[in-house]
Amino acid sequence: MIIEDLLYKGRVVSCYNSLLIDVRLDDDSPAAVFCASSEAAALCKAGTEVFVRRAPGNLRKVRYELEYLNLDEGLIFVNPSANRKLFQEAFENGVLKEFGRYENCREIEPDDHLQHVDFELSSNAGEKCFVFIEDVYNKTAGYSVFPAGINFFEMEMFEEMEKLRDEGHQTCVFMLVPRQDSVEAKFSWNLDPIAAAKIFDEAKKGLNFVCYGCILDKKSVSIARKMKIIY
């Protein structure tokens, strides 16, 4: 995926809300920046270098959106609105070997009444797999680690996925690691024990978890490789 928007460099002044960040741009002007992920916002310490873009449209009160963090380990892409496009591109390019049995990839639409599912994969033999995409931003001891928490929408997603399994379909949480500085993912009980217990329970019920990493720079992002998950 090509990054077409003009990016503005700056540094974090403070993160005063789980989704709003004060940034000082390189031209010394202040900017309020929207961050679409509370997990990514937690990484925005004072002094962190960031790259932001202007929000589309003229009616937004917060005029900038966070696109990248630049930590000591390198760039992290933090714009989850691009997740579906990244997944679709990777599927079409044959990168997602995990889903090689499926010929078709359809983005879920409002009329499907599956509010928390991103894609329906299907085979010519009639098999289906429903996919939810989850970003993993945290890193500990060289591993991308999860889960950092579970929100209300994810709880509803678990319910939707269970109903789909009852109908005979496969279900999968596709964990996307939009950074290049780790090659394996690790399930952790320490980040959020309650979330970990819920994830463990859903896995026992038949929900699959796979993880893929990215290659990225300030001009492009793409899903590149499957990452082993260590439990």
Protein backbone atom coordinates (compact mmCIF):
# COMPACT_ATOMS: atom_id res chain seq x y z
CA MET A 1 0.00 0.00 0.00
CA ILE A 2 1.41 3.35 -1.08
CA ILE A 3 1.20 6.24 1.40
CA GLU A 4 -0.19 9.02 -0.77
CA ASP A 5 -0.86 11.68 1.87
CA LEU A 6 1.71 14.33 2.70
CA LEU A 7 3.21 13.59 6.12
CA TYR A 8 4.24 16.19 8.68
CA LYS A 9 6.97 15.41 11.18
CA GLY A 10 6.77 16.45 14.81
CA ARG A 11 7.34 15.36 18.39
CA VAL A 12 4.89 14.41 21.11
CA VAL A 13 4.39 17.02 23.82
CA SER A 14 1.85 15.10 25.85
CA CYS A 15 -0.89 12.49 25.53
CA TYR A 16 -3.77 13.96 27.52
CA ASN A 17 -6.45 11.57 26.28
CA SER A 18 -6.38 7.92 25.24
CA LEU A 19 -6.99 9.04 21.65
CA LEU A 20 -5.69 12.62 21.51
CA ILE A 21 -2.07 13.73 21.45
CA ASP A 22 -0.43 17.16 21.62
CA VAL A 23 2.31 17.42 19.01
CA ARG A 24 4.82 20.15 18.18
CA LEU A 25 5.35 20.08 14.41
CA ASP A 26 8.73 20.76 12.84
CA ASP A 27 7.67 24.30 11.91
CA ASP A 28 7.16 24.86 15.67
CA SER A 29 3.37 25.01 15.37
CA PRO A 30 1.24 23.06 17.88
CA ALA A 31 -1.17 20.41 16.65
CA ALA A 32 -3.84 18.27 18.26
CA VAL A 33 -3.55 14.81 16.71
CA PHE A 34 -6.10 11.99 16.72
CA CYS A 35 -4.78 8.49 17.36
CA ALA A 36 -7.20 5.72 16.41
CA SER A 37 -5.74 3.17 18.84
CA SER A 38 -5.43 3.54 22.60
CA GLU A 39 -2.69 0.89 22.51
CA ALA A 40 -0.68 3.00 20.04
CA ALA A 41 -1.39 6.16 22.02
CA ALA A 42 0.14 4.53 25.09
CA LEU A 43 3.45 4.41 23.20
CA CYS A 44 3.39 8.17 22.59
CA LYS A 45 5.72 9.37 25.33
CA ALA A 46 6.87 13.00 25.46
CA GLY A 47 9.59 13.56 22.87
CA THR A 48 8.58 10.65 20.61
CA GLU A 49 9.02 11.48 16.93
CA VAL A 50 5.79 11.12 14.98
CA PHE A 51 4.53 11.56 11.44
CA VAL A 52 0.99 12.86 10.99
CA ARG A 53 -1.33 13.62 8.10
CA ARG A 54 -4.14 16.09 7.67
CA ALA A 55 -7.53 14.53 8.32
CA PRO A 56 -9.77 14.37 5.24
CA GLY A 57 -12.55 16.95 5.02
CA ASN A 58 -12.89 20.39 6.55
CA LEU A 59 -15.39 19.69 9.32
CA ARG A 60 -13.08 17.82 11.68
CA LYS A 61 -12.18 19.73 14.83
CA VAL A 62 -8.99 17.68 15.18
CA ARG A 63 -7.21 18.41 11.90
CA TYR A 64 -4.42 15.80 12.10
CA GLU A 65 -4.27 12.01 12.38
CA LEU A 66 -1.34 9.91 13.59
CA GLU A 67 0.28 7.82 10.85
CA TYR A 68 3.66 6.65 12.24
CA LEU A 69 5.62 6.52 15.46
CA ASN A 70 9.39 6.51 15.22
CA LEU A 71 10.74 4.70 18.29
CA ASP A 72 14.32 3.56 18.92
CA GLU A 73 13.47 0.24 17.27
CA GLY A 74 12.19 1.94 14.09
CA LEU A 75 8.92 2.98 12.48
CA ILE A 76 5.51 1.72 13.62
CA PHE A 77 2.51 2.26 11.34
CA VAL A 78 -0.44 3.24 13.55
CA ASN A 79 -3.32 3.92 11.18
CA PRO A 80 -5.78 1.01 11.58
CA SER A 81 -8.12 2.47 8.95
CA ALA A 82 -5.72 0.95 6.39
CA ASN A 83 -6.03 -2.61 7.77
CA ARG A 84 -8.63 -3.83 5.31
CA LYS A 85 -6.70 -2.53 2.32
CA LEU A 86 -3.50 -4.14 3.59
CA PHE A 87 -5.24 -7.48 4.10
CA GLN A 88 -6.93 -7.38 0.69
CA GLU A 89 -3.65 -6.60 -1.07
CA ALA A 90 -1.82 -9.39 0.76
CA PHE A 91 -4.56 -11.91 -0.08
CA GLU A 92 -4.57 -10.96 -3.76
CA ASN A 93 -0.77 -11.18 -3.90
CA GLY A 94 -0.73 -14.68 -2.40
CA VAL A 95 1.13 -13.61 0.75
CA LEU A 96 -1.39 -15.10 3.18
CA LYS A 97 -0.47 -18.77 2.88
CA GLU A 98 -2.59 -19.44 5.95
CA PHE A 99 -5.67 -18.88 3.79
CA GLY A 100 -4.47 -20.62 0.62
CA ARG A 101 -7.53 -22.87 0.46
CA TYR A 102 -9.82 -19.89 -0.22
CA GLU A 103 -10.18 -18.37 -3.69
CA ASN A 104 -12.34 -15.37 -2.79
CA CYS A 105 -11.97 -12.49 -0.34
CA ARG A 106 -14.98 -10.26 0.25
CA GLU A 107 -15.07 -7.25 2.53
CA ILE A 108 -17.96 -7.39 4.98
CA GLU A 109 -20.64 -4.77 4.28
CA PRO A 110 -23.34 -3.25 6.54
CA ASP A 111 -26.06 -5.43 4.98
CA ASP A 112 -24.21 -8.53 6.25
CA HIS A 113 -25.11 -7.53 9.83
CA LEU A 114 -21.69 -8.54 11.10
CA GLN A 115 -20.54 -5.30 12.69
CA HIS A 116 -17.24 -6.61 14.02
CA VAL A 117 -16.02 -8.85 11.21
CA ASP A 118 -13.78 -7.54 8.43
CA PHE A 119 -13.71 -10.22 5.70
CA GLU A 120 -15.47 -13.31 4.43
CA LEU A 121 -13.12 -15.74 2.70
CA SER A 122 -14.70 -18.45 0.60
CA SER A 123 -13.66 -21.40 -1.53
CA ASN A 124 -15.24 -22.72 -4.70
CA ALA A 125 -16.16 -25.78 -2.64
CA GLY A 126 -18.39 -23.65 -0.41
CA GLU A 127 -16.09 -23.35 2.63
CA LYS A 128 -16.06 -20.02 4.45
CA CYS A 129 -13.78 -18.32 6.95
CA PHE A 130 -14.60 -15.03 8.66
CA VAL A 131 -11.73 -12.76 9.66
CA PHE A 132 -11.34 -9.99 12.24
CA ILE A 133 -8.18 -7.86 12.03
CA GLU A 134 -6.43 -6.80 15.25
CA ASP A 135 -3.32 -4.63 15.44
CA VAL A 136 -0.48 -5.61 17.77
CA TYR A 137 1.76 -2.66 18.66
CA ASN A 138 3.42 -3.74 21.90
CA LYS A 139 6.85 -5.31 22.02
CA THR A 140 8.65 -6.93 24.96
CA ALA A 141 12.04 -8.66 24.96
CA GLY A 142 12.10 -8.86 21.18
CA TYR A 143 8.59 -10.31 20.85
CA SER A 144 5.39 -8.65 19.65
CA VAL A 145 3.14 -9.33 22.62
CA PHE A 146 -0.63 -9.62 23.05
CA PRO A 147 -3.28 -9.14 24.34
CA ALA A 148 -3.00 -5.59 25.69
CA GLY A 149 -6.70 -5.52 26.55
CA ILE A 150 -10.19 -6.25 25.27
CA ASN A 151 -12.83 -3.64 24.58
CA PHE A 152 -16.61 -3.82 24.27
CA PHE A 153 -16.51 -4.15 20.48
CA GLU A 154 -14.16 -7.10 20.68
CA MET A 155 -16.46 -8.81 23.16
CA GLU A 156 -19.26 -8.46 20.61
CA MET A 157 -16.91 -9.79 17.94
CA PHE A 158 -16.35 -12.95 19.98
CA GLU A 159 -20.11 -13.48 20.12
CA GLU A 160 -20.49 -12.98 16.37
CA MET A 161 -17.65 -15.39 15.67
CA GLU A 162 -19.16 -18.05 17.93
CA LYS A 163 -22.46 -17.84 16.04
CA LEU A 164 -20.60 -18.21 12.74
CA ARG A 165 -18.82 -21.33 14.04
CA ASP A 166 -22.19 -22.73 15.10
CA GLU A 167 -23.21 -22.34 11.43
CA GLY A 168 -20.22 -24.48 10.42
CA HIS A 169 -17.78 -21.75 9.35
CA GLN A 170 -14.17 -21.14 10.30
CA THR A 171 -13.32 -17.99 12.24
CA CYS A 172 -10.00 -16.22 12.66
CA VAL A 173 -8.45 -13.25 14.43
CA PHE A 174 -5.75 -11.94 12.10
CA MET A 175 -3.16 -10.17 14.24
CA LEU A 176 -1.30 -7.55 12.25
CA VAL A 177 2.10 -6.35 13.49
CA PRO A 178 2.78 -3.06 11.64
CA ARG A 179 6.45 -2.87 12.63
CA GLN A 180 9.65 -4.54 11.43
CA ASP A 181 11.62 -5.09 14.60
CA SER A 182 10.23 -8.46 15.73
CA VAL A 183 9.93 -11.82 14.00
CA GLU A 184 7.81 -13.73 16.53
CA ALA A 185 4.68 -12.97 18.55
CA LYS A 186 4.03 -14.07 22.11
CA PHE A 187 0.85 -14.62 24.05
CA SER A 188 1.31 -12.95 27.43
CA TRP A 189 -0.60 -13.34 30.68
CA ASN A 190 1.09 -10.25 32.13
CA LEU A 191 -0.15 -7.35 29.98
CA ASP A 192 -3.81 -7.85 30.91
CA PRO A 193 -4.61 -11.14 32.70
CA ILE A 194 -8.37 -10.73 32.22
CA ALA A 195 -7.96 -10.22 28.47
CA ALA A 196 -5.53 -13.15 28.31
CA ALA A 197 -8.02 -15.43 30.05
CA LYS A 198 -10.74 -14.42 27.56
CA ILE A 199 -8.44 -15.01 24.57
CA PHE A 200 -7.44 -18.41 25.97
CA ASP A 201 -11.11 -19.34 26.42
CA GLU A 202 -12.05 -18.25 22.88
CA ALA A 203 -9.17 -20.26 21.41
CA LYS A 204 -10.45 -23.36 23.21
CA LYS A 205 -13.87 -22.74 21.65
CA GLY A 206 -12.35 -22.86 18.16
CA LEU A 207 -11.41 -19.27 17.33
CA ASN A 208 -8.13 -19.33 15.38
CA PHE A 209 -5.34 -16.80 15.83
CA VAL A 210 -2.69 -16.05 13.20
CA CYS A 211 -0.10 -13.31 13.10
CA TYR A 212 1.61 -11.54 10.20
CA GLY A 213 4.30 -8.87 10.12
CA CYS A 214 4.91 -5.98 7.74
CA ILE A 215 7.61 -4.29 5.77
CA LEU A 216 7.27 -0.54 5.83
CA ASP A 217 8.82 2.86 5.37
CA LYS A 218 7.34 6.36 5.18
CA LYS A 219 6.18 5.76 1.61
CA SER A 220 4.59 2.31 1.77
CA VAL A 221 3.33 -0.47 4.04
CA SER A 222 2.66 -4.09 3.13
CA ILE A 223 2.00 -7.38 4.90
CA ALA A 224 5.04 -9.55 4.27
CA ARG A 225 5.43 -12.63 6.43
CA LYS A 226 3.76 -15.00 8.83
CA MET A 227 4.98 -14.73 12.42
CA LYS A 228 5.15 -17.69 14.76
CA ILE A 229 3.02 -17.31 17.90
CA ILE A 230 4.63 -18.56 21.09
CA TYR A 231 2.27 -19.61 23.87
